[in-house]
Amino acid sequence: MIDGALLLDKPVGITSNRALQEAKRLLRAKKAGHAGTLDPLASGLLVLLFGEATKFAGPLLDSDKEYLATLKLGERTTTGDAEGEVLEVRPVNTSTAQVAVVLERFRGAIDQVPPMYSALKRDGVALYKLARKGRTVQRAARPVRISELELLGYEPPLAQLRIRCSKGTYIRALGEDIGAALGTGAHLAALRRTGAGRFRVEQALALERLRALAAPGERLLGLGELLADFPATELDAAAEARLRNGQALKISGLQAGLRALYRADGALIGLGRAHAEGELRALRLTQAADKHRKTL
């Protein structure tokens, strides 16, 4: 049984699912998932999950993401990226200082309208499928947070940005909104994910390198590494048994929130949620705790 995570550097031109399925085949894994997809035109970090690791996709999906994005000012497209047809062309007479001033508006908490070319669904149908038929539907704005937005370079009409943002942020929509604020229009010319939570693309393995490995399973991260950012709680055998039987534990002094649960020997039990009243409940538990050690 394959249990663990693989940090993959996805190339441009393939879907995240294709990359996942190839990695699953190479690892001979029975169960696989991910912690956030990338569009085919985007490259960079994919956190692929196998076996027991798929149980922890939720918290990993919730983590902040970091990107390097290239915006092309002066052109709006149907999709908001380089794949779409050009809808409008405008002159670009915008200075570096003007770009910097506009970027300031998008730092912090903002409301963002999801793009039509997205996997969000309306009445069970993905929005991008409606968009391909020429349909547009009303989308409610959603709160997101742009914690970092840095202008790395600007040579009109191209602006290079580094972005760190909350889950659910659409970089294409952010690029279009920045272009609208500048009065030039814009679309996303290139995108690379450089970080997801505590993981960096520098740690990732390129797909061609994965294909060449004789033992690709050796590159898997253990479950303890996936949960290393969460505060840890150690449980004895009796407490673990009660938790696995669906009972809540009363433990005073725990701060409310998610907690990684371990045995005394460092084996991972799973993920729990502590409540303000000192109650700890299981959220996701492993089947074989003795296989998954705590990361020190």
Protein backbone atom coordinates (compact mmCIF):
# COMPACT_ATOMS: atom_id res chain seq x y z
CA MET A 1 0.00 0.00 0.00
CA ILE A 2 1.38 3.40 -1.04
CA ASP A 3 0.77 6.12 1.56
CA GLY A 4 2.24 9.59 1.27
CA ALA A 5 2.51 12.73 -0.83
CA LEU A 6 4.53 13.62 -3.89
CA LEU A 7 5.54 17.18 -4.75
CA LEU A 8 5.38 17.37 -8.54
CA ASP A 9 6.47 20.22 -10.81
CA LYS A 10 3.75 20.08 -13.46
CA PRO A 11 4.79 21.20 -16.94
CA VAL A 12 2.75 23.51 -19.15
CA GLY A 13 0.38 21.79 -21.56
CA ILE A 14 -1.12 18.94 -19.55
CA THR A 15 -3.99 18.81 -17.10
CA SER A 16 -3.44 18.23 -13.41
CA ASN A 17 -5.48 15.04 -13.64
CA ARG A 18 -3.24 13.65 -16.37
CA ALA A 19 -0.18 14.36 -14.22
CA LEU A 20 -1.88 12.71 -11.24
CA GLN A 21 -2.86 9.61 -13.19
CA GLU A 22 0.66 9.17 -14.58
CA ALA A 23 2.18 9.52 -11.11
CA LYS A 24 -0.39 7.06 -9.76
CA ARG A 25 0.59 4.55 -12.44
CA LEU A 26 4.33 4.99 -11.87
CA LEU A 27 3.87 4.52 -8.12
CA ARG A 28 1.39 1.67 -8.59
CA ALA A 29 -0.90 3.37 -6.11
CA LYS A 30 -4.50 2.25 -5.66
CA LYS A 31 -5.88 5.54 -4.39
CA ALA A 32 -4.82 9.04 -5.41
CA GLY A 33 -5.92 12.65 -5.10
CA HIS A 34 -4.48 16.15 -4.96
CA ALA A 35 -4.41 19.32 -2.88
CA GLY A 36 -5.37 21.79 -5.61
CA THR A 37 -5.23 21.68 -9.42
CA LEU A 38 -3.50 23.88 -11.99
CA ASP A 39 -4.82 24.87 -15.40
CA PRO A 40 -3.08 23.22 -18.39
CA LEU A 41 -1.40 26.53 -19.29
CA ALA A 42 0.05 26.85 -15.77
CA SER A 43 3.14 25.10 -14.45
CA GLY A 44 4.52 24.47 -11.01
CA LEU A 45 3.77 22.81 -7.72
CA LEU A 46 1.17 20.07 -7.47
CA VAL A 47 0.78 18.29 -4.15
CA LEU A 48 -0.28 14.75 -5.09
CA LEU A 49 -1.70 12.47 -2.40
CA PHE A 50 -1.72 8.69 -2.30
CA GLY A 51 -3.41 6.15 -0.05
CA GLU A 52 -3.95 7.40 3.50
CA ALA A 53 -2.66 10.86 2.53
CA THR A 54 -5.87 11.53 0.58
CA LYS A 55 -7.67 11.81 3.91
CA PHE A 56 -5.82 15.08 4.58
CA ALA A 57 -6.59 16.83 1.28
CA GLY A 58 -9.02 19.26 2.95
CA PRO A 59 -6.57 21.06 5.24
CA LEU A 60 -3.97 21.16 2.45
CA LEU A 61 -6.50 22.67 0.05
CA ASP A 62 -7.14 25.36 2.66
CA SER A 63 -3.51 26.49 2.71
CA ASP A 64 -2.27 29.70 1.09
CA LYS A 65 -0.78 29.44 -2.40
CA GLU A 66 2.04 31.42 -4.02
CA TYR A 67 2.42 32.21 -7.73
CA LEU A 68 4.60 33.94 -10.26
CA ALA A 69 2.27 35.54 -12.80
CA THR A 70 2.87 37.41 -16.04
CA LEU A 71 0.15 39.89 -17.03
CA LYS A 72 -0.10 41.23 -20.55
CA LEU A 73 -1.62 44.68 -20.39
CA GLY A 74 -3.61 46.10 -23.28
CA GLU A 75 -5.41 42.90 -24.27
CA ARG A 76 -8.57 41.32 -22.90
CA THR A 77 -9.41 37.74 -23.87
CA THR A 78 -12.48 35.54 -23.65
CA THR A 79 -10.91 33.31 -21.01
CA GLY A 80 -8.82 35.86 -19.11
CA ASP A 81 -5.65 34.04 -20.15
CA ALA A 82 -3.54 33.44 -23.24
CA GLU A 83 -5.73 30.54 -24.40
CA GLY A 84 -8.72 32.73 -25.23
CA GLU A 85 -9.56 34.87 -28.22
CA VAL A 86 -8.68 38.55 -28.02
CA LEU A 87 -11.76 40.64 -27.27
CA GLU A 88 -10.21 44.09 -27.10
CA VAL A 89 -6.86 45.79 -27.68
CA ARG A 90 -5.94 49.06 -25.98
CA PRO A 91 -2.78 51.18 -25.94
CA VAL A 92 -0.48 50.77 -22.94
CA ASN A 93 1.02 54.04 -21.73
CA THR A 94 1.19 53.01 -18.10
CA SER A 95 4.28 53.71 -15.99
CA THR A 96 5.82 51.47 -13.37
CA ALA A 97 4.69 53.91 -10.68
CA GLN A 98 1.09 53.74 -11.92
CA VAL A 99 1.14 49.94 -11.82
CA ALA A 100 2.54 50.00 -8.28
CA VAL A 101 -0.21 52.36 -7.11
CA VAL A 102 -2.96 50.17 -8.56
CA LEU A 103 -1.52 47.00 -7.04
CA GLU A 104 -1.91 48.57 -3.61
CA ARG A 105 -5.71 48.38 -4.03
CA PHE A 106 -5.59 44.60 -4.31
CA ARG A 107 -3.57 43.79 -1.22
CA GLY A 108 -5.40 42.42 1.80
CA ALA A 109 -9.03 41.29 1.90
CA ILE A 110 -10.87 41.83 -1.40
CA ASP A 111 -14.06 40.61 -3.04
CA GLN A 112 -13.56 38.68 -6.25
CA VAL A 113 -16.07 37.56 -8.87
CA PRO A 114 -15.10 34.06 -10.11
CA PRO A 115 -14.48 33.88 -13.87
CA MET A 116 -16.86 32.12 -16.20
CA TYR A 117 -13.99 29.89 -17.29
CA SER A 118 -13.80 28.05 -13.97
CA ALA A 119 -14.82 24.68 -12.56
CA LEU A 120 -17.48 26.20 -10.31
CA LYS A 121 -20.90 24.75 -11.03
CA ARG A 122 -24.32 26.23 -11.70
CA ASP A 123 -27.20 23.73 -11.49
CA GLY A 124 -24.66 20.92 -11.68
CA VAL A 125 -22.92 22.24 -14.80
CA ALA A 126 -19.36 23.61 -14.72
CA LEU A 127 -19.23 27.29 -15.62
CA TYR A 128 -16.54 26.75 -18.23
CA LYS A 129 -18.90 24.43 -20.13
CA LEU A 130 -21.53 27.18 -20.21
CA ALA A 131 -18.90 29.71 -21.26
CA ARG A 132 -17.84 27.54 -24.19
CA LYS A 133 -21.46 27.66 -25.39
CA GLY A 134 -21.38 31.44 -25.24
CA ARG A 135 -23.44 31.66 -22.06
CA THR A 136 -22.75 33.96 -19.14
CA VAL A 137 -24.43 33.63 -15.75
CA GLN A 138 -24.42 35.87 -12.70
CA ARG A 139 -21.69 35.02 -10.18
CA ALA A 140 -21.62 36.33 -6.64
CA ALA A 141 -18.43 37.98 -5.43
CA ARG A 142 -16.48 35.98 -2.84
CA PRO A 143 -14.04 37.19 -0.21
CA VAL A 144 -10.38 36.27 -0.75
CA ARG A 145 -7.15 37.56 0.73
CA ILE A 146 -4.06 38.69 -1.17
CA SER A 147 -1.41 38.63 1.54
CA GLU A 148 1.48 39.52 -0.78
CA LEU A 149 1.42 41.22 -4.19
CA GLU A 150 4.83 42.25 -5.47
CA LEU A 151 5.78 43.83 -8.80
CA LEU A 152 8.94 41.97 -9.81
CA GLY A 153 9.37 43.66 -13.17
CA TYR A 154 7.58 45.74 -15.75
CA GLU A 155 8.43 46.07 -19.43
CA PRO A 156 5.24 47.23 -21.16
CA PRO A 157 3.04 45.48 -21.93
CA LEU A 158 4.24 42.70 -19.58
CA ALA A 159 4.12 42.91 -15.78
CA GLN A 160 5.74 40.21 -13.63
CA LEU A 161 4.02 39.64 -10.28
CA ARG A 162 4.60 37.51 -7.21
CA ILE A 163 1.34 36.68 -5.46
CA ARG A 164 0.58 34.92 -2.19
CA CYS A 165 -3.13 34.41 -1.67
CA SER A 166 -5.83 32.49 0.14
CA LYS A 167 -7.56 29.42 -1.21
CA GLY A 168 -10.18 30.08 -3.87
CA THR A 169 -8.35 33.03 -5.41
CA TYR A 170 -8.50 33.12 -9.21
CA ILE A 171 -5.29 34.65 -10.55
CA ARG A 172 -6.89 35.14 -13.98
CA ALA A 173 -9.66 37.19 -12.40
CA LEU A 174 -7.11 39.14 -10.36
CA GLY A 175 -5.19 39.94 -13.53
CA GLU A 176 -8.32 41.10 -15.32
CA ASP A 177 -9.29 43.28 -12.36
CA ILE A 178 -5.83 44.86 -12.25
CA GLY A 179 -6.05 45.56 -15.98
CA ALA A 180 -9.47 47.15 -15.55
CA ALA A 181 -8.18 49.34 -12.72
CA LEU A 182 -5.28 50.48 -14.93
CA GLY A 183 -7.67 51.26 -17.78
CA THR A 184 -5.71 49.08 -20.19
CA GLY A 185 -7.37 45.71 -19.75
CA ALA A 186 -5.16 42.65 -19.23
CA HIS A 187 -4.99 38.90 -19.41
CA LEU A 188 -2.84 36.26 -17.75
CA ALA A 189 0.00 35.43 -20.13
CA ALA A 190 1.78 32.88 -17.91
CA LEU A 191 1.40 31.37 -14.45
CA ARG A 192 3.62 29.25 -12.24
CA ARG A 193 2.71 28.02 -8.75
CA THR A 194 5.76 28.31 -6.54
CA GLY A 195 4.30 27.43 -3.15
CA ALA A 196 1.43 25.71 -1.36
CA GLY A 197 1.39 26.04 2.41
CA ARG A 198 4.80 24.99 3.71
CA PHE A 199 5.85 23.33 0.45
CA ARG A 200 7.92 24.97 -2.30
CA VAL A 201 8.31 24.13 -5.97
CA GLU A 202 12.07 23.83 -5.40
CA GLN A 203 11.27 20.65 -3.46
CA ALA A 204 9.24 19.23 -6.32
CA LEU A 205 10.16 16.59 -8.86
CA ALA A 206 9.72 17.21 -12.59
CA LEU A 207 7.50 14.69 -14.37
CA GLU A 208 10.28 13.53 -16.70
CA ARG A 209 12.52 12.93 -13.69
CA LEU A 210 9.79 10.90 -11.99
CA ARG A 211 9.52 8.71 -15.09
CA ALA A 212 13.25 8.01 -14.97
CA LEU A 213 13.40 6.91 -11.33
CA ALA A 214 13.80 3.22 -10.62
CA ALA A 215 12.10 3.60 -7.21
CA PRO A 216 9.80 6.66 -7.36
CA GLY A 217 8.17 5.70 -4.06
CA GLU A 218 11.34 6.80 -2.28
CA ARG A 219 10.44 10.42 -3.10
CA LEU A 220 7.17 10.30 -1.17
CA LEU A 221 6.66 12.50 1.87
CA GLY A 222 5.30 10.75 4.94
CA LEU A 223 1.97 11.68 6.49
CA GLY A 224 3.72 13.28 9.42
CA GLU A 225 5.33 15.76 7.03
CA LEU A 226 1.92 16.73 5.64
CA LEU A 227 0.68 17.65 9.10
CA ALA A 228 3.90 19.12 10.50
CA ASP A 229 2.47 22.67 10.57
CA PHE A 230 -0.37 21.72 12.93
CA PRO A 231 0.08 21.76 16.72
CA ALA A 232 0.64 18.24 18.02
CA THR A 233 -1.22 16.32 20.71
CA GLU A 234 0.06 13.04 22.10
CA LEU A 235 -2.48 10.38 23.05
CA ASP A 236 -2.07 7.19 25.03
CA ALA A 237 -3.54 3.90 23.82
CA ALA A 238 -6.76 4.28 25.81
CA ALA A 239 -7.44 7.79 24.49
CA GLU A 240 -6.70 6.66 20.94
CA ALA A 241 -9.14 3.78 21.28
CA ARG A 242 -11.91 6.07 22.53
CA LEU A 243 -11.27 8.47 19.66
CA ARG A 244 -11.39 5.65 17.10
CA ASN A 245 -14.69 4.53 18.60
CA GLY A 246 -16.18 7.93 17.88
CA GLN A 247 -15.95 9.34 21.40
CA ALA A 248 -14.79 12.87 22.19
CA LEU A 249 -11.89 13.41 24.56
CA LYS A 250 -11.78 16.00 27.32
CA ILE A 251 -8.33 17.59 27.39
CA SER A 252 -7.88 20.88 29.20
CA GLY A 253 -5.62 23.60 27.88
CA LEU A 254 -5.95 22.83 24.17
CA GLN A 255 -6.28 25.81 21.87
CA ALA A 256 -9.28 25.50 19.56
CA GLY A 257 -8.48 24.38 16.02
CA LEU A 258 -6.96 21.51 14.06
CA ARG A 259 -4.37 19.32 15.77
CA ALA A 260 -2.12 16.50 14.56
CA LEU A 261 -2.55 13.47 16.82
CA TYR A 262 0.35 11.14 17.65
CA ARG A 263 1.17 8.15 19.78
CA ALA A 264 3.93 8.38 22.38
CA ASP A 265 6.36 6.73 19.94
CA GLY A 266 5.69 9.42 17.30
CA ALA A 267 3.38 7.35 15.09
CA LEU A 268 0.66 9.47 13.48
CA ILE A 269 -2.91 8.73 14.54
CA GLY A 270 -4.55 11.38 12.42
CA LEU A 271 -6.07 14.84 12.52
CA GLY A 272 -8.48 16.10 15.18
CA ARG A 273 -10.30 19.29 16.01
CA ALA A 274 -10.10 20.85 19.46
CA HIS A 275 -13.02 22.99 20.66
CA ALA A 276 -12.94 25.90 23.08
CA GLU A 277 -14.55 23.85 25.84
CA GLY A 278 -11.59 21.45 25.89
CA GLU A 279 -13.20 18.77 23.75
CA LEU A 280 -11.18 16.94 21.12
CA ARG A 281 -12.89 15.05 18.30
CA ALA A 282 -11.45 12.99 15.47
CA LEU A 283 -11.54 14.52 12.02
CA ARG A 284 -9.46 12.12 9.90
CA LEU A 285 -7.73 9.04 11.29
CA THR A 286 -5.18 6.74 9.69
CA GLN A 287 -5.79 3.01 9.50
CA ALA A 288 -2.24 2.01 10.41
CA ALA A 289 -0.77 4.56 12.77
CA ASP A 290 2.45 2.60 13.31
CA LYS A 291 3.56 3.32 9.72
CA HIS A 292 3.52 7.10 9.86
CA ARG A 293 6.04 8.85 12.05
CA LYS A 294 6.07 12.38 13.35
CA THR A 295 8.38 14.81 11.53
CA LEU A 296 10.82 16.41 13.97
